[in-house]
Amino acid sequence: MSESRPPFPPFTLETATQKVRGAEDGWNSRDPRKVSLAYSEDSRWRNRHEFVTGREQIVAFLTRKWAGELEYRLIKELWAFTGNRIAVRFAYESHDAAGQWHRSYGNENWEFNEAGLMTYRHASINDLAIAETDRLFHWPQGRRPDDHPSLSDLAL
């Protein structure tokens, strides 16, 4: 296999945690092409009610997503892992074009191939409209600082 994305399965607590933080960092870049490279060429997603297959559809999906979810900031947290699978919980904050802020919560189930590329991603997500004063994610756009509270620290 010519492409790979360490760490590789089977995962340990350390490598599963690294994989989750790598995914968070990628999504916080809001660069659809860059993010798509963490997935296999034939990766399959269920994201809410949408089904996405392959990197080109991933790029199109993320491009559309981030065009409407402005000032997007995401935190992911490892929930469980075994072998080549990882479960995470996450929350992100963003606002729409009208300025309404939302916090979206959810869970994802991931499966990886031997090269460390994600082959399956199943995301269940709920949205909550929030006031701008209720925001909790205030770091500058991009990677979440290492000293920023986690979801558990924020009681989310």
C-alpha atoms as a PDB file:
ATOM      1  CA  MET A   1       0.000   0.000   0.000  1.00  0.00           C
ATOM      2  CA  SER A   2       1.603   3.309  -1.074  1.00  0.00           C
ATOM      3  CA  GLU A   3      -0.315   5.598   1.283  1.00  0.00           C
ATOM      4  CA  SER A   4      -0.214   5.378   5.035  1.00  0.00           C
ATOM      5  CA  ARG A   5      -1.227   7.465   8.012  1.00  0.00           C
ATOM      6  CA  PRO A   6       0.346   6.446  11.318  1.00  0.00           C
ATOM      7  CA  PRO A   7      -0.365   5.431  13.960  1.00  0.00           C
ATOM      8  CA  PHE A   8      -1.468   2.041  12.693  1.00  0.00           C
ATOM      9  CA  PRO A   9      -3.846  -0.518  14.179  1.00  0.00           C
ATOM     10  CA  PRO A  10      -4.068  -2.411  16.379  1.00  0.00           C
ATOM     11  CA  PHE A  11      -4.405   0.639  18.615  1.00  0.00           C
ATOM     12  CA  THR A  12      -3.187   1.151  22.161  1.00  0.00           C
ATOM     13  CA  LEU A  13      -4.483   3.860  24.465  1.00  0.00           C
ATOM     14  CA  GLU A  14      -1.570   6.060  23.384  1.00  0.00           C
ATOM     15  CA  THR A  15      -1.976   5.500  19.634  1.00  0.00           C
ATOM     16  CA  ALA A  16      -5.777   5.765  19.715  1.00  0.00           C
ATOM     17  CA  THR A  17      -5.435   9.093  21.552  1.00  0.00           C
ATOM     18  CA  GLN A  18      -2.909  10.262  18.931  1.00  0.00           C
ATOM     19  CA  LYS A  19      -5.286   9.250  16.126  1.00  0.00           C
ATOM     20  CA  VAL A  20      -8.142  11.215  17.695  1.00  0.00           C
ATOM     21  CA  ARG A  21      -6.031  14.343  18.182  1.00  0.00           C
ATOM     22  CA  GLY A  22      -4.733  14.063  14.617  1.00  0.00           C
ATOM     23  CA  ALA A  23      -8.300  13.923  13.310  1.00  0.00           C
ATOM     24  CA  GLU A  24      -9.299  16.918  15.444  1.00  0.00           C
ATOM     25  CA  ASP A  25      -6.317  18.916  14.196  1.00  0.00           C
ATOM     26  CA  GLY A  26      -7.111  18.047  10.593  1.00  0.00           C
ATOM     27  CA  TRP A  27     -10.762  19.070  10.854  1.00  0.00           C
ATOM     28  CA  ASN A  28      -9.834  22.305  12.663  1.00  0.00           C
ATOM     29  CA  SER A  29      -7.655  23.203   9.660  1.00  0.00           C
ATOM     30  CA  ARG A  30     -10.880  23.349   7.619  1.00  0.00           C
ATOM     31  CA  ASP A  31      -8.869  22.215   4.585  1.00  0.00           C
ATOM     32  CA  PRO A  32     -11.060  19.626   2.813  1.00  0.00           C
ATOM     33  CA  ARG A  33      -8.229  18.237   0.629  1.00  0.00           C
ATOM     34  CA  LYS A  34      -5.895  17.827   3.587  1.00  0.00           C
ATOM     35  CA  VAL A  35      -8.605  16.179   5.690  1.00  0.00           C
ATOM     36  CA  SER A  36      -9.554  13.771   2.878  1.00  0.00           C
ATOM     37  CA  LEU A  37      -6.037  12.286   2.879  1.00  0.00           C
ATOM     38  CA  ALA A  38      -6.698  10.648   6.267  1.00  0.00           C
ATOM     39  CA  TYR A  39      -9.351   8.467   4.590  1.00  0.00           C
ATOM     40  CA  SER A  40      -8.940   5.571   2.195  1.00  0.00           C
ATOM     41  CA  GLU A  41      -9.731   6.206  -1.477  1.00  0.00           C
ATOM     42  CA  ASP A  42     -12.972   4.237  -1.058  1.00  0.00           C
ATOM     43  CA  SER A  43     -13.844   5.420   2.470  1.00  0.00           C
ATOM     44  CA  ARG A  44     -17.543   5.320   3.310  1.00  0.00           C
ATOM     45  CA  TRP A  45     -19.292   7.757   5.618  1.00  0.00           C
ATOM     46  CA  ARG A  46     -22.660   8.209   7.185  1.00  0.00           C
ATOM     47  CA  ASN A  47     -22.804  11.780   8.443  1.00  0.00           C
ATOM     48  CA  ARG A  48     -26.220  12.608   9.899  1.00  0.00           C
ATOM     49  CA  HIS A  49     -28.553  11.735   6.991  1.00  0.00           C
ATOM     50  CA  GLU A  50     -25.894  11.889   4.242  1.00  0.00           C
ATOM     51  CA  PHE A  51     -23.894   9.043   2.765  1.00  0.00           C
ATOM     52  CA  VAL A  52     -20.496   9.853   1.276  1.00  0.00           C
ATOM     53  CA  THR A  53     -18.130   7.515  -0.585  1.00  0.00           C
ATOM     54  CA  GLY A  54     -14.552   8.271  -1.596  1.00  0.00           C
ATOM     55  CA  ARG A  55     -12.230  11.218  -1.255  1.00  0.00           C
ATOM     56  CA  GLU A  56     -13.798  13.415  -3.918  1.00  0.00           C
ATOM     57  CA  GLN A  57     -17.178  13.195  -2.199  1.00  0.00           C
ATOM     58  CA  ILE A  58     -15.461  13.845   1.150  1.00  0.00           C
ATOM     59  CA  VAL A  59     -13.882  17.014  -0.268  1.00  0.00           C
ATOM     60  CA  ALA A  60     -17.219  18.175  -1.701  1.00  0.00           C
ATOM     61  CA  PHE A  61     -19.035  17.423   1.559  1.00  0.00           C
ATOM     62  CA  LEU A  62     -16.479  19.267   3.733  1.00  0.00           C
ATOM     63  CA  THR A  63     -16.318  22.227   1.333  1.00  0.00           C
ATOM     64  CA  ARG A  64     -20.097  22.597   1.569  1.00  0.00           C
ATOM     65  CA  LYS A  65     -20.088  22.006   5.342  1.00  0.00           C
ATOM     66  CA  TRP A  66     -17.507  24.675   6.141  1.00  0.00           C
ATOM     67  CA  ALA A  67     -19.070  27.194   3.759  1.00  0.00           C
ATOM     68  CA  GLY A  68     -22.094  27.213   6.086  1.00  0.00           C
ATOM     69  CA  GLU A  69     -20.478  26.496   9.467  1.00  0.00           C
ATOM     70  CA  LEU A  70     -18.440  29.649  10.000  1.00  0.00           C
ATOM     71  CA  GLU A  71     -15.684  30.065  12.639  1.00  0.00           C
ATOM     72  CA  TYR A  72     -15.836  26.285  13.168  1.00  0.00           C
ATOM     73  CA  ARG A  73     -13.942  24.970  16.203  1.00  0.00           C
ATOM     74  CA  LEU A  74     -13.977  21.282  17.177  1.00  0.00           C
ATOM     75  CA  ILE A  75     -12.936  19.159  20.137  1.00  0.00           C
ATOM     76  CA  LYS A  76     -12.811  15.356  19.874  1.00  0.00           C
ATOM     77  CA  GLU A  77     -12.318  12.958  22.770  1.00  0.00           C
ATOM     78  CA  LEU A  78     -11.497   9.260  22.749  1.00  0.00           C
ATOM     79  CA  TRP A  79     -14.418   7.198  24.018  1.00  0.00           C
ATOM     80  CA  ALA A  80     -13.302   3.605  23.322  1.00  0.00           C
ATOM     81  CA  PHE A  81     -11.044   1.569  21.037  1.00  0.00           C
ATOM     82  CA  THR A  82     -10.207  -1.992  20.082  1.00  0.00           C
ATOM     83  CA  GLY A  83      -8.115  -3.469  17.287  1.00  0.00           C
ATOM     84  CA  ASN A  84      -8.697  -1.278  14.237  1.00  0.00           C
ATOM     85  CA  ARG A  85     -11.727   0.641  15.576  1.00  0.00           C
ATOM     86  CA  ILE A  86     -12.066   3.863  17.556  1.00  0.00           C
ATOM     87  CA  ALA A  87     -15.142   5.550  19.012  1.00  0.00           C
ATOM     88  CA  VAL A  88     -15.063   9.261  19.799  1.00  0.00           C
ATOM     89  CA  ARG A  89     -17.377  11.862  21.178  1.00  0.00           C
ATOM     90  CA  PHE A  90     -17.104  15.430  19.982  1.00  0.00           C
ATOM     91  CA  ALA A  91     -18.524  18.911  20.114  1.00  0.00           C
ATOM     92  CA  TYR A  92     -18.032  21.827  17.781  1.00  0.00           C
ATOM     93  CA  GLU A  93     -19.156  25.410  17.697  1.00  0.00           C
ATOM     94  CA  SER A  94     -19.864  27.490  14.614  1.00  0.00           C
ATOM     95  CA  HIS A  95     -22.237  30.153  13.413  1.00  0.00           C
ATOM     96  CA  ASP A  96     -24.337  30.495  10.293  1.00  0.00           C
ATOM     97  CA  ALA A  97     -24.387  33.421   7.844  1.00  0.00           C
ATOM     98  CA  ALA A  98     -27.025  35.177   9.960  1.00  0.00           C
ATOM     99  CA  GLY A  99     -24.718  35.058  13.009  1.00  0.00           C
ATOM    100  CA  GLN A 100     -26.612  32.381  14.976  1.00  0.00           C
ATOM    101  CA  TRP A 101     -24.163  30.266  16.975  1.00  0.00           C
ATOM    102  CA  HIS A 102     -24.619  26.511  17.376  1.00  0.00           C
ATOM    103  CA  ARG A 103     -22.962  23.818  19.414  1.00  0.00           C
ATOM    104  CA  SER A 104     -23.143  20.435  17.746  1.00  0.00           C
ATOM    105  CA  TYR A 105     -22.566  17.277  19.785  1.00  0.00           C
ATOM    106  CA  GLY A 106     -22.092  13.763  18.607  1.00  0.00           C
ATOM    107  CA  ASN A 107     -20.431  10.411  18.456  1.00  0.00           C
ATOM    108  CA  GLU A 108     -18.386   8.862  15.698  1.00  0.00           C
ATOM    109  CA  ASN A 109     -17.382   5.271  15.056  1.00  0.00           C
ATOM    110  CA  TRP A 110     -14.265   4.803  12.956  1.00  0.00           C
ATOM    111  CA  GLU A 111     -12.669   1.773  11.288  1.00  0.00           C
ATOM    112  CA  PHE A 112      -9.138   1.787   9.844  1.00  0.00           C
ATOM    113  CA  ASN A 113      -7.207  -0.324   7.377  1.00  0.00           C
ATOM    114  CA  GLU A 114      -3.702  -1.658   8.060  1.00  0.00           C
ATOM    115  CA  ALA A 115      -2.172   1.540   6.598  1.00  0.00           C
ATOM    116  CA  GLY A 116      -3.938   3.660   9.218  1.00  0.00           C
ATOM    117  CA  LEU A 117      -6.409   5.186   6.748  1.00  0.00           C
ATOM    118  CA  MET A 118     -10.023   5.464   7.875  1.00  0.00           C
ATOM    119  CA  THR A 119     -12.278   3.214   5.797  1.00  0.00           C
ATOM    120  CA  TYR A 120     -15.577   3.800   7.634  1.00  0.00           C
ATOM    121  CA  ARG A 121     -16.902   6.822   9.527  1.00  0.00           C
ATOM    122  CA  HIS A 122     -20.357   6.818  11.108  1.00  0.00           C
ATOM    123  CA  ALA A 123     -21.364  10.147  12.716  1.00  0.00           C
ATOM    124  CA  SER A 124     -24.467  10.881  14.771  1.00  0.00           C
ATOM    125  CA  ILE A 125     -24.870  14.596  15.513  1.00  0.00           C
ATOM    126  CA  ASN A 126     -27.288  16.831  17.428  1.00  0.00           C
ATOM    127  CA  ASP A 127     -27.393  20.626  17.147  1.00  0.00           C
ATOM    128  CA  LEU A 128     -28.185  23.211  19.778  1.00  0.00           C
ATOM    129  CA  ALA A 129     -28.592  26.928  19.081  1.00  0.00           C
ATOM    130  CA  ILE A 130     -26.578  28.932  21.633  1.00  0.00           C
ATOM    131  CA  ALA A 131     -26.052  32.594  22.404  1.00  0.00           C
ATOM    132  CA  GLU A 132     -22.650  33.966  21.476  1.00  0.00           C
ATOM    133  CA  THR A 133     -22.063  34.560  25.205  1.00  0.00           C
ATOM    134  CA  ASP A 134     -22.506  30.801  25.826  1.00  0.00           C
ATOM    135  CA  ARG A 135     -19.617  29.836  23.559  1.00  0.00           C
ATOM    136  CA  LEU A 136     -16.849  27.786  25.180  1.00  0.00           C
ATOM    137  CA  PHE A 137     -14.388  27.370  22.300  1.00  0.00           C
ATOM    138  CA  HIS A 138     -12.457  30.647  21.980  1.00  0.00           C
ATOM    139  CA  TRP A 139      -9.025  29.770  20.598  1.00  0.00           C
ATOM    140  CA  PRO A 140      -7.839  31.375  17.343  1.00  0.00           C
ATOM    141  CA  GLN A 141      -8.955  29.494  14.213  1.00  0.00           C
ATOM    142  CA  GLY A 142      -6.877  26.379  13.630  1.00  0.00           C
ATOM    143  CA  ARG A 143      -5.430  23.802  16.004  1.00  0.00           C
ATOM    144  CA  ARG A 144      -6.839  23.744  19.533  1.00  0.00           C
ATOM    145  CA  PRO A 145      -4.106  24.768  21.995  1.00  0.00           C
ATOM    146  CA  ASP A 146      -2.767  21.920  24.119  1.00  0.00           C
ATOM    147  CA  ASP A 147      -3.771  23.730  27.319  1.00  0.00           C
ATOM    148  CA  HIS A 148      -7.394  24.314  26.236  1.00  0.00           C
ATOM    149  CA  PRO A 149      -9.918  22.335  28.328  1.00  0.00           C
ATOM    150  CA  SER A 150     -11.174  19.022  26.944  1.00  0.00           C
ATOM    151  CA  LEU A 151     -14.828  18.068  26.584  1.00  0.00           C
ATOM    152  CA  SER A 152     -14.678  16.347  29.966  1.00  0.00           C
ATOM    153  CA  ASP A 153     -13.019  19.403  31.540  1.00  0.00           C
ATOM    154  CA  LEU A 154     -15.853  21.559  30.140  1.00  0.00           C
ATOM    155  CA  ALA A 155     -18.493  19.070  31.385  1.00  0.00           C
ATOM    156  CA  LEU A 156     -19.826  18.633  27.843  1.00  0.00           C
END
